[in-house]
């Protein structure tokens, strides 16, 4: 029992030390931060295009609106959190940043070349519960274009694959979560099935180019072993975000 406690304390200290490791700010980090707002600009531009696409298939019509999936959909925040919490090896950090930058830039090319409008949803979303309120907030704040491929799915899948290179268990659970996020985009009527598949393919291609060449053995065993603790910290941080949203809901704020 004592050994287990001592080992747990040692792992927590190792995890804490990783956050004090110096990470140089590289140009791709700055570029990634700067291009994120471009998403909104592109959405405004394509909204005025005379021709937009709606790649719906039969399965899309079979999926109803389910506000219960809004919390899963919003867990997109876990994608950057997992990357920040779990990835600390400087060479691998650079690769992960490059991989995320690549999916954003490639997605922008698709958004401009193939502007896709989002699925139709009832307006407004009925219901007075927290998840109904949350789905209304999602629909009112998001761009209703920029759908193919799904950047939402691409980021979650890529973050999961980044974790996979460090810790197989964390990566497996993260991939399961990313799959649920993909499903949530359908039940919240934010994306079509083809958007989800496109986002997953985009992430996997970026993984093959940037992350797979990184040798797993480059991560020290001690650092790899604390990955579950770090991932749990990312999940706990998302829990704090949900708590803040719950307070806003209880305060009667209008989405």
C-alpha atoms as a PDB file:
ATOM      1  CA  UNK A   1       0.000   0.000   0.000  1.00  0.00           C
ATOM      2  CA  UNK A   2       2.784   2.365   0.971  1.00  0.00           C
ATOM      3  CA  UNK A   3       4.674   1.602  -2.225  1.00  0.00           C
ATOM      4  CA  UNK A   4       1.581   2.319  -4.280  1.00  0.00           C
ATOM      5  CA  UNK A   5       1.114   5.673  -2.582  1.00  0.00           C
ATOM      6  CA  UNK A   6       4.777   6.558  -3.064  1.00  0.00           C
ATOM      7  CA  UNK A   7       4.616   5.573  -6.712  1.00  0.00           C
ATOM      8  CA  UNK A   8       1.474   7.653  -7.249  1.00  0.00           C
ATOM      9  CA  UNK A   9       3.132  10.660  -5.608  1.00  0.00           C
ATOM     10  CA  UNK A  10       6.225  10.212  -7.786  1.00  0.00           C
ATOM     11  CA  UNK A  11       4.079  10.117 -10.934  1.00  0.00           C
ATOM     12  CA  UNK A  12       2.223  13.247  -9.892  1.00  0.00           C
ATOM     13  CA  UNK A  13       5.549  15.016  -9.355  1.00  0.00           C
ATOM     14  CA  UNK A  14       6.741  13.861 -12.773  1.00  0.00           C
ATOM     15  CA  UNK A  15       3.525  15.139 -14.352  1.00  0.00           C
ATOM     16  CA  UNK A  16       3.921  18.477 -12.593  1.00  0.00           C
ATOM     17  CA  UNK A  17       7.541  18.793 -13.772  1.00  0.00           C
ATOM     18  CA  UNK A  18       6.485  18.332 -17.375  1.00  0.00           C
ATOM     19  CA  UNK A  19       4.479  21.553 -17.171  1.00  0.00           C
ATOM     20  CA  UNK A  20       7.605  23.446 -16.130  1.00  0.00           C
ATOM     21  CA  UNK A  21       9.569  22.196 -19.144  1.00  0.00           C
ATOM     22  CA  UNK A  22      10.562  25.050 -21.422  1.00  0.00           C
ATOM     23  CA  UNK A  23       8.714  25.030 -24.728  1.00  0.00           C
ATOM     24  CA  UNK A  24      10.030  27.537 -27.267  1.00  0.00           C
ATOM     25  CA  UNK A  25       7.417  29.480 -29.206  1.00  0.00           C
ATOM     26  CA  UNK A  26       7.852  28.462 -32.847  1.00  0.00           C
ATOM     27  CA  UNK A  27       6.429  30.235 -35.930  1.00  0.00           C
ATOM     28  CA  UNK A  28       3.875  27.477 -36.562  1.00  0.00           C
ATOM     29  CA  UNK A  29       2.394  28.058 -33.096  1.00  0.00           C
ATOM     30  CA  UNK A  30       1.913  31.739 -33.884  1.00  0.00           C
ATOM     31  CA  UNK A  31       0.508  30.888 -37.309  1.00  0.00           C
ATOM     32  CA  UNK A  32      -1.984  28.429 -35.822  1.00  0.00           C
ATOM     33  CA  UNK A  33      -3.223  31.006 -33.335  1.00  0.00           C
ATOM     34  CA  UNK A  34      -3.564  33.645 -36.050  1.00  0.00           C
ATOM     35  CA  UNK A  35      -5.469  31.563 -38.596  1.00  0.00           C
ATOM     36  CA  UNK A  36      -8.164  30.302 -36.230  1.00  0.00           C
ATOM     37  CA  UNK A  37     -10.284  33.505 -36.514  1.00  0.00           C
ATOM     38  CA  UNK A  38     -10.128  33.141 -40.308  1.00  0.00           C
ATOM     39  CA  UNK A  39     -12.703  30.375 -39.847  1.00  0.00           C
ATOM     40  CA  UNK A  40     -15.351  32.997 -39.105  1.00  0.00           C
ATOM     41  CA  UNK A  41     -14.291  35.171 -42.026  1.00  0.00           C
ATOM     42  CA  UNK A  42     -14.560  32.269 -44.461  1.00  0.00           C
ATOM     43  CA  UNK A  43     -18.007  31.417 -43.089  1.00  0.00           C
ATOM     44  CA  UNK A  44     -19.151  34.958 -43.802  1.00  0.00           C
ATOM     45  CA  UNK A  45     -17.688  34.929 -47.304  1.00  0.00           C
ATOM     46  CA  UNK A  46     -19.223  31.637 -48.428  1.00  0.00           C
ATOM     47  CA  UNK A  47     -22.587  32.558 -46.904  1.00  0.00           C
ATOM     48  CA  UNK A  48     -23.015  35.013 -49.775  1.00  0.00           C
ATOM     49  CA  UNK A  49     -22.055  32.537 -52.472  1.00  0.00           C
ATOM     50  CA  UNK A  50     -24.869  31.845 -54.956  1.00  0.00           C
ATOM     51  CA  UNK A  51     -24.122  28.105 -54.840  1.00  0.00           C
ATOM     52  CA  UNK A  52     -23.514  26.043 -51.721  1.00  0.00           C
ATOM     53  CA  UNK A  53     -23.635  22.308 -51.176  1.00  0.00           C
ATOM     54  CA  UNK A  54     -25.522  20.006 -48.821  1.00  0.00           C
ATOM     55  CA  UNK A  55     -23.979  16.521 -49.112  1.00  0.00           C
ATOM     56  CA  UNK A  56     -26.796  14.757 -47.262  1.00  0.00           C
ATOM     57  CA  UNK A  57     -27.295  11.016 -47.641  1.00  0.00           C
ATOM     58  CA  UNK A  58     -30.129   8.787 -46.471  1.00  0.00           C
ATOM     59  CA  UNK A  59     -28.525   8.210 -43.083  1.00  0.00           C
ATOM     60  CA  UNK A  60     -28.540  11.942 -42.338  1.00  0.00           C
ATOM     61  CA  UNK A  61     -32.337  12.051 -42.646  1.00  0.00           C
ATOM     62  CA  UNK A  62     -32.636   9.121 -40.224  1.00  0.00           C
ATOM     63  CA  UNK A  63     -30.738  10.913 -37.439  1.00  0.00           C
ATOM     64  CA  UNK A  64     -33.022  13.180 -35.348  1.00  0.00           C
ATOM     65  CA  UNK A  65     -32.051  16.224 -33.323  1.00  0.00           C
ATOM     66  CA  UNK A  66     -30.947  15.119 -29.844  1.00  0.00           C
ATOM     67  CA  UNK A  67     -29.897  17.949 -27.496  1.00  0.00           C
ATOM     68  CA  UNK A  68     -28.514  15.293 -25.117  1.00  0.00           C
ATOM     69  CA  UNK A  69     -25.487  15.083 -27.391  1.00  0.00           C
ATOM     70  CA  UNK A  70     -24.613  18.763 -27.000  1.00  0.00           C
ATOM     71  CA  UNK A  71     -22.180  18.137 -24.122  1.00  0.00           C
ATOM     72  CA  UNK A  72     -20.345  15.545 -26.200  1.00  0.00           C
ATOM     73  CA  UNK A  73     -20.257  17.929 -29.157  1.00  0.00           C
ATOM     74  CA  UNK A  74     -18.878  20.723 -26.995  1.00  0.00           C
ATOM     75  CA  UNK A  75     -16.094  18.445 -25.728  1.00  0.00           C
ATOM     76  CA  UNK A  76     -14.174  19.631 -28.779  1.00  0.00           C
ATOM     77  CA  UNK A  77     -12.343  21.686 -26.142  1.00  0.00           C
ATOM     78  CA  UNK A  78     -10.707  18.429 -25.087  1.00  0.00           C
ATOM     79  CA  UNK A  79      -8.783  18.288 -28.371  1.00  0.00           C
ATOM     80  CA  UNK A  80      -6.417  21.198 -27.582  1.00  0.00           C
ATOM     81  CA  UNK A  81      -6.511  20.324 -23.877  1.00  0.00           C
ATOM     82  CA  UNK A  82      -5.307  16.775 -24.526  1.00  0.00           C
ATOM     83  CA  UNK A  83      -2.525  18.065 -26.745  1.00  0.00           C
ATOM     84  CA  UNK A  84      -1.407  20.629 -24.164  1.00  0.00           C
ATOM     85  CA  UNK A  85      -1.669  18.274 -21.188  1.00  0.00           C
ATOM     86  CA  UNK A  86      -0.272  15.058 -22.667  1.00  0.00           C
ATOM     87  CA  UNK A  87       2.323  16.213 -25.208  1.00  0.00           C
ATOM     88  CA  UNK A  88       5.461  17.729 -23.673  1.00  0.00           C
ATOM     89  CA  UNK A  89       8.421  16.380 -25.666  1.00  0.00           C
ATOM     90  CA  UNK A  90       9.730  19.411 -27.640  1.00  0.00           C
ATOM     91  CA  UNK A  91      10.351  17.599 -30.975  1.00  0.00           C
ATOM     92  CA  UNK A  92       6.929  15.978 -30.761  1.00  0.00           C
ATOM     93  CA  UNK A  93       5.267  19.247 -29.738  1.00  0.00           C
ATOM     94  CA  UNK A  94       6.522  20.779 -32.992  1.00  0.00           C
ATOM     95  CA  UNK A  95       5.144  17.879 -35.009  1.00  0.00           C
ATOM     96  CA  UNK A  96       1.753  18.113 -33.294  1.00  0.00           C
ATOM     97  CA  UNK A  97       1.528  21.852 -33.927  1.00  0.00           C
ATOM     98  CA  UNK A  98       2.435  21.310 -37.590  1.00  0.00           C
ATOM     99  CA  UNK A  99      -0.191  18.571 -37.863  1.00  0.00           C
ATOM    100  CA  UNK A 100      -2.913  20.817 -36.446  1.00  0.00           C
ATOM    101  CA  UNK A 101      -1.837  23.703 -38.662  1.00  0.00           C
ATOM    102  CA  UNK A 102      -2.033  21.415 -41.696  1.00  0.00           C
ATOM    103  CA  UNK A 103      -5.609  20.282 -41.026  1.00  0.00           C
ATOM    104  CA  UNK A 104      -6.781  23.854 -40.481  1.00  0.00           C
ATOM    105  CA  UNK A 105      -5.195  25.098 -43.707  1.00  0.00           C
ATOM    106  CA  UNK A 106      -6.421  22.157 -45.792  1.00  0.00           C
ATOM    107  CA  UNK A 107      -9.908  22.499 -44.329  1.00  0.00           C
ATOM    108  CA  UNK A 108      -9.908  26.183 -45.323  1.00  0.00           C
ATOM    109  CA  UNK A 109      -9.128  25.200 -48.907  1.00  0.00           C
ATOM    110  CA  UNK A 110     -12.163  22.884 -48.916  1.00  0.00           C
ATOM    111  CA  UNK A 111     -14.375  25.502 -47.254  1.00  0.00           C
ATOM    112  CA  UNK A 112     -13.611  28.012 -49.996  1.00  0.00           C
ATOM    113  CA  UNK A 113     -13.636  25.578 -52.912  1.00  0.00           C
ATOM    114  CA  UNK A 114     -16.638  23.540 -51.769  1.00  0.00           C
ATOM    115  CA  UNK A 115     -18.808  25.719 -49.495  1.00  0.00           C
ATOM    116  CA  UNK A 116     -21.160  23.433 -47.588  1.00  0.00           C
ATOM    117  CA  UNK A 117     -24.172  24.679 -45.645  1.00  0.00           C
ATOM    118  CA  UNK A 118     -25.108  22.912 -42.440  1.00  0.00           C
ATOM    119  CA  UNK A 119     -28.120  20.623 -41.943  1.00  0.00           C
ATOM    120  CA  UNK A 120     -31.518  22.152 -41.260  1.00  0.00           C
ATOM    121  CA  UNK A 121     -32.571  22.260 -37.622  1.00  0.00           C
ATOM    122  CA  UNK A 122     -35.768  23.377 -35.866  1.00  0.00           C
ATOM    123  CA  UNK A 123     -35.553  27.026 -34.877  1.00  0.00           C
ATOM    124  CA  UNK A 124     -35.608  27.533 -32.029  1.00  0.00           C
ATOM    125  CA  UNK A 125     -34.609  24.280 -30.336  1.00  0.00           C
ATOM    126  CA  UNK A 126     -37.492  23.417 -27.947  1.00  0.00           C
ATOM    127  CA  UNK A 127     -36.962  22.525 -24.309  1.00  0.00           C
ATOM    128  CA  UNK A 128     -35.891  24.294 -21.144  1.00  0.00           C
ATOM    129  CA  UNK A 129     -33.170  21.947 -19.897  1.00  0.00           C
ATOM    130  CA  UNK A 130     -29.457  22.617 -19.704  1.00  0.00           C
ATOM    131  CA  UNK A 131     -28.680  20.556 -22.797  1.00  0.00           C
ATOM    132  CA  UNK A 132     -31.437  22.297 -24.795  1.00  0.00           C
ATOM    133  CA  UNK A 133     -29.993  25.650 -23.756  1.00  0.00           C
ATOM    134  CA  UNK A 134     -26.525  24.456 -24.685  1.00  0.00           C
ATOM    135  CA  UNK A 135     -27.591  23.318 -28.152  1.00  0.00           C
ATOM    136  CA  UNK A 136     -29.271  26.664 -28.782  1.00  0.00           C
ATOM    137  CA  UNK A 137     -26.008  28.346 -27.774  1.00  0.00           C
ATOM    138  CA  UNK A 138     -24.043  26.132 -30.169  1.00  0.00           C
ATOM    139  CA  UNK A 139     -26.364  26.863 -33.086  1.00  0.00           C
ATOM    140  CA  UNK A 140     -26.473  30.595 -32.442  1.00  0.00           C
ATOM    141  CA  UNK A 141     -22.700  31.018 -32.140  1.00  0.00           C
ATOM    142  CA  UNK A 142     -21.420  28.712 -34.868  1.00  0.00           C
ATOM    143  CA  UNK A 143     -20.917  29.373 -38.577  1.00  0.00           C
ATOM    144  CA  UNK A 144     -23.565  27.526 -40.569  1.00  0.00           C
ATOM    145  CA  UNK A 145     -21.177  26.838 -43.427  1.00  0.00           C
ATOM    146  CA  UNK A 146     -17.605  25.469 -43.342  1.00  0.00           C
ATOM    147  CA  UNK A 147     -18.960  21.952 -42.929  1.00  0.00           C
ATOM    148  CA  UNK A 148     -16.897  19.719 -45.227  1.00  0.00           C
ATOM    149  CA  UNK A 149     -14.620  18.337 -43.946  1.00  0.00           C
ATOM    150  CA  UNK A 150     -15.556  18.574 -40.285  1.00  0.00           C
ATOM    151  CA  UNK A 151     -12.787  20.435 -38.460  1.00  0.00           C
ATOM    152  CA  UNK A 152     -14.594  19.451 -35.270  1.00  0.00           C
ATOM    153  CA  UNK A 153     -13.986  15.771 -35.981  1.00  0.00           C
ATOM    154  CA  UNK A 154     -10.537  16.301 -37.512  1.00  0.00           C
ATOM    155  CA  UNK A 155      -9.209  18.028 -34.395  1.00  0.00           C
ATOM    156  CA  UNK A 156     -10.565  15.388 -32.024  1.00  0.00           C
ATOM    157  CA  UNK A 157      -9.228  12.486 -34.087  1.00  0.00           C
ATOM    158  CA  UNK A 158      -5.835  14.145 -34.512  1.00  0.00           C
ATOM    159  CA  UNK A 159      -5.530  14.878 -30.780  1.00  0.00           C
ATOM    160  CA  UNK A 160      -6.396  11.239 -30.059  1.00  0.00           C
ATOM    161  CA  UNK A 161      -3.783   9.962 -32.503  1.00  0.00           C
ATOM    162  CA  UNK A 162      -1.218  12.324 -30.979  1.00  0.00           C
ATOM    163  CA  UNK A 163      -1.912  10.735 -27.587  1.00  0.00           C
ATOM    164  CA  UNK A 164      -1.720   7.270 -29.174  1.00  0.00           C
ATOM    165  CA  UNK A 165       1.938   7.836 -30.053  1.00  0.00           C
ATOM    166  CA  UNK A 166       2.700   8.481 -26.400  1.00  0.00           C
ATOM    167  CA  UNK A 167       0.401   6.081 -24.523  1.00  0.00           C
ATOM    168  CA  UNK A 168      -1.664   3.354 -26.174  1.00  0.00           C
ATOM    169  CA  UNK A 169      -4.308   3.240 -23.427  1.00  0.00           C
ATOM    170  CA  UNK A 170      -4.884   6.989 -23.424  1.00  0.00           C
ATOM    171  CA  UNK A 171      -4.958   6.978 -27.217  1.00  0.00           C
ATOM    172  CA  UNK A 172      -7.537   4.174 -27.335  1.00  0.00           C
ATOM    173  CA  UNK A 173      -9.884   5.942 -24.918  1.00  0.00           C
ATOM    174  CA  UNK A 174      -9.367   9.211 -26.773  1.00  0.00           C
ATOM    175  CA  UNK A 175     -10.227   7.588 -30.109  1.00  0.00           C
ATOM    176  CA  UNK A 176     -13.417   6.211 -28.576  1.00  0.00           C
ATOM    177  CA  UNK A 177     -14.258   9.732 -27.409  1.00  0.00           C
ATOM    178  CA  UNK A 178     -13.482  11.132 -30.876  1.00  0.00           C
ATOM    179  CA  UNK A 179     -15.895   8.605 -32.364  1.00  0.00           C
ATOM    180  CA  UNK A 180     -18.620   9.795 -29.999  1.00  0.00           C
ATOM    181  CA  UNK A 181     -17.876  13.386 -30.976  1.00  0.00           C
ATOM    182  CA  UNK A 182     -18.362  12.416 -34.604  1.00  0.00           C
ATOM    183  CA  UNK A 183     -21.753  10.925 -33.743  1.00  0.00           C
ATOM    184  CA  UNK A 184     -22.653  14.032 -31.729  1.00  0.00           C
ATOM    185  CA  UNK A 185     -22.132  16.266 -34.764  1.00  0.00           C
ATOM    186  CA  UNK A 186     -24.940  14.333 -36.467  1.00  0.00           C
ATOM    187  CA  UNK A 187     -27.386  14.397 -33.545  1.00  0.00           C
ATOM    188  CA  UNK A 188     -26.797  18.111 -33.013  1.00  0.00           C
ATOM    189  CA  UNK A 189     -27.275  18.688 -36.761  1.00  0.00           C
ATOM    190  CA  UNK A 190     -23.964  20.442 -37.111  1.00  0.00           C
ATOM    191  CA  UNK A 191     -22.591  18.123 -39.786  1.00  0.00           C
ATOM    192  CA  UNK A 192     -23.447  15.479 -42.353  1.00  0.00           C
ATOM    193  CA  UNK A 193     -22.121  11.928 -42.359  1.00  0.00           C
ATOM    194  CA  UNK A 194     -19.756  12.762 -45.229  1.00  0.00           C
ATOM    195  CA  UNK A 195     -18.404  15.729 -43.245  1.00  0.00           C
ATOM    196  CA  UNK A 196     -17.537  13.394 -40.376  1.00  0.00           C
ATOM    197  CA  UNK A 197     -15.795  10.907 -42.653  1.00  0.00           C
ATOM    198  CA  UNK A 198     -13.929  13.721 -44.395  1.00  0.00           C
ATOM    199  CA  UNK A 199     -12.717  15.124 -41.084  1.00  0.00           C
ATOM    200  CA  UNK A 200     -11.493  11.706 -39.918  1.00  0.00           C
ATOM    201  CA  UNK A 201      -9.618  11.136 -43.188  1.00  0.00           C
ATOM    202  CA  UNK A 202      -8.060  14.603 -42.984  1.00  0.00           C
ATOM    203  CA  UNK A 203      -6.811  13.909 -39.451  1.00  0.00           C
ATOM    204  CA  UNK A 204      -5.435  10.498 -40.349  1.00  0.00           C
ATOM    205  CA  UNK A 205      -3.544  11.882 -43.342  1.00  0.00           C
ATOM    206  CA  UNK A 206      -2.003  14.592 -41.155  1.00  0.00           C
ATOM    207  CA  UNK A 207      -1.085  11.921 -38.602  1.00  0.00           C
ATOM    208  CA  UNK A 208       0.685   9.835 -41.260  1.00  0.00           C
ATOM    209  CA  UNK A 209       2.703  12.812 -42.480  1.00  0.00           C
ATOM    210  CA  UNK A 210       3.632  14.518 -39.224  1.00  0.00           C
ATOM    211  CA  UNK A 211       3.140  12.211 -36.230  1.00  0.00           C
ATOM    212  CA  UNK A 212       3.673   8.618 -37.285  1.00  0.00           C
ATOM    213  CA  UNK A 213       7.348   9.188 -38.215  1.00  0.00           C
ATOM    214  CA  UNK A 214       8.036  10.234 -34.614  1.00  0.00           C
ATOM    215  CA  UNK A 215       9.488   7.173 -32.818  1.00  0.00           C
ATOM    216  CA  UNK A 216       7.518   6.227 -29.723  1.00  0.00           C
ATOM    217  CA  UNK A 217      10.713   5.279 -27.897  1.00  0.00           C
ATOM    218  CA  UNK A 218      11.761   8.927 -28.006  1.00  0.00           C
ATOM    219  CA  UNK A 219       9.336   9.501 -25.142  1.00  0.00           C
ATOM    220  CA  UNK A 220      10.916   8.430 -21.863  1.00  0.00           C
ATOM    221  CA  UNK A 221       9.108   5.627 -20.066  1.00  0.00           C
ATOM    222  CA  UNK A 222       8.604   7.771 -16.975  1.00  0.00           C
ATOM    223  CA  UNK A 223       6.936  10.476 -19.039  1.00  0.00           C
ATOM    224  CA  UNK A 224       4.830   7.944 -20.924  1.00  0.00           C
ATOM    225  CA  UNK A 225       3.582   6.372 -17.695  1.00  0.00           C
ATOM    226  CA  UNK A 226       2.083   9.643 -16.437  1.00  0.00           C
ATOM    227  CA  UNK A 227       0.051  10.222 -19.603  1.00  0.00           C
ATOM    228  CA  UNK A 228      -3.176   8.913 -17.969  1.00  0.00           C
ATOM    229  CA  UNK A 229      -2.764  11.431 -15.133  1.00  0.00           C
ATOM    230  CA  UNK A 230      -2.207  14.232 -17.618  1.00  0.00           C
ATOM    231  CA  UNK A 231      -5.211  13.166 -19.689  1.00  0.00           C
ATOM    232  CA  UNK A 232      -7.335  13.100 -16.545  1.00  0.00           C
ATOM    233  CA  UNK A 233      -6.252  16.686 -15.913  1.00  0.00           C
ATOM    234  CA  UNK A 234      -7.485  17.641 -19.384  1.00  0.00           C
ATOM    235  CA  UNK A 235     -10.853  15.992 -18.711  1.00  0.00           C
ATOM    236  CA  UNK A 236     -11.115  17.753 -15.346  1.00  0.00           C
ATOM    237  CA  UNK A 237     -10.436  21.084 -17.054  1.00  0.00           C
ATOM    238  CA  UNK A 238     -13.266  20.420 -19.498  1.00  0.00           C
ATOM    239  CA  UNK A 239     -15.434  19.629 -16.482  1.00  0.00           C
ATOM    240  CA  UNK A 240     -14.686  23.124 -15.184  1.00  0.00           C
ATOM    241  CA  UNK A 241     -15.811  24.583 -18.524  1.00  0.00           C
ATOM    242  CA  UNK A 242     -19.076  22.648 -18.255  1.00  0.00           C
ATOM    243  CA  UNK A 243     -19.535  23.945 -14.707  1.00  0.00           C
ATOM    244  CA  UNK A 244     -19.129  27.540 -15.915  1.00  0.00           C
ATOM    245  CA  UNK A 245     -21.725  26.936 -18.629  1.00  0.00           C
ATOM    246  CA  UNK A 246     -24.075  25.424 -16.045  1.00  0.00           C
ATOM    247  CA  UNK A 247     -23.739  28.563 -13.909  1.00  0.00           C
ATOM    248  CA  UNK A 248     -24.527  30.698 -16.973  1.00  0.00           C
ATOM    249  CA  UNK A 249     -27.599  28.545 -17.659  1.00  0.00           C
ATOM    250  CA  UNK A 250     -28.809  28.816 -14.070  1.00  0.00           C
ATOM    251  CA  UNK A 251     -28.232  32.563 -14.178  1.00  0.00           C
ATOM    252  CA  UNK A 252     -30.712  32.742 -17.041  1.00  0.00           C
ATOM    253  CA  UNK A 253     -28.294  34.016 -19.680  1.00  0.00           C
ATOM    254  CA  UNK A 254     -29.715  33.862 -23.186  1.00  0.00           C
ATOM    255  CA  UNK A 255     -27.554  31.940 -25.683  1.00  0.00           C
END
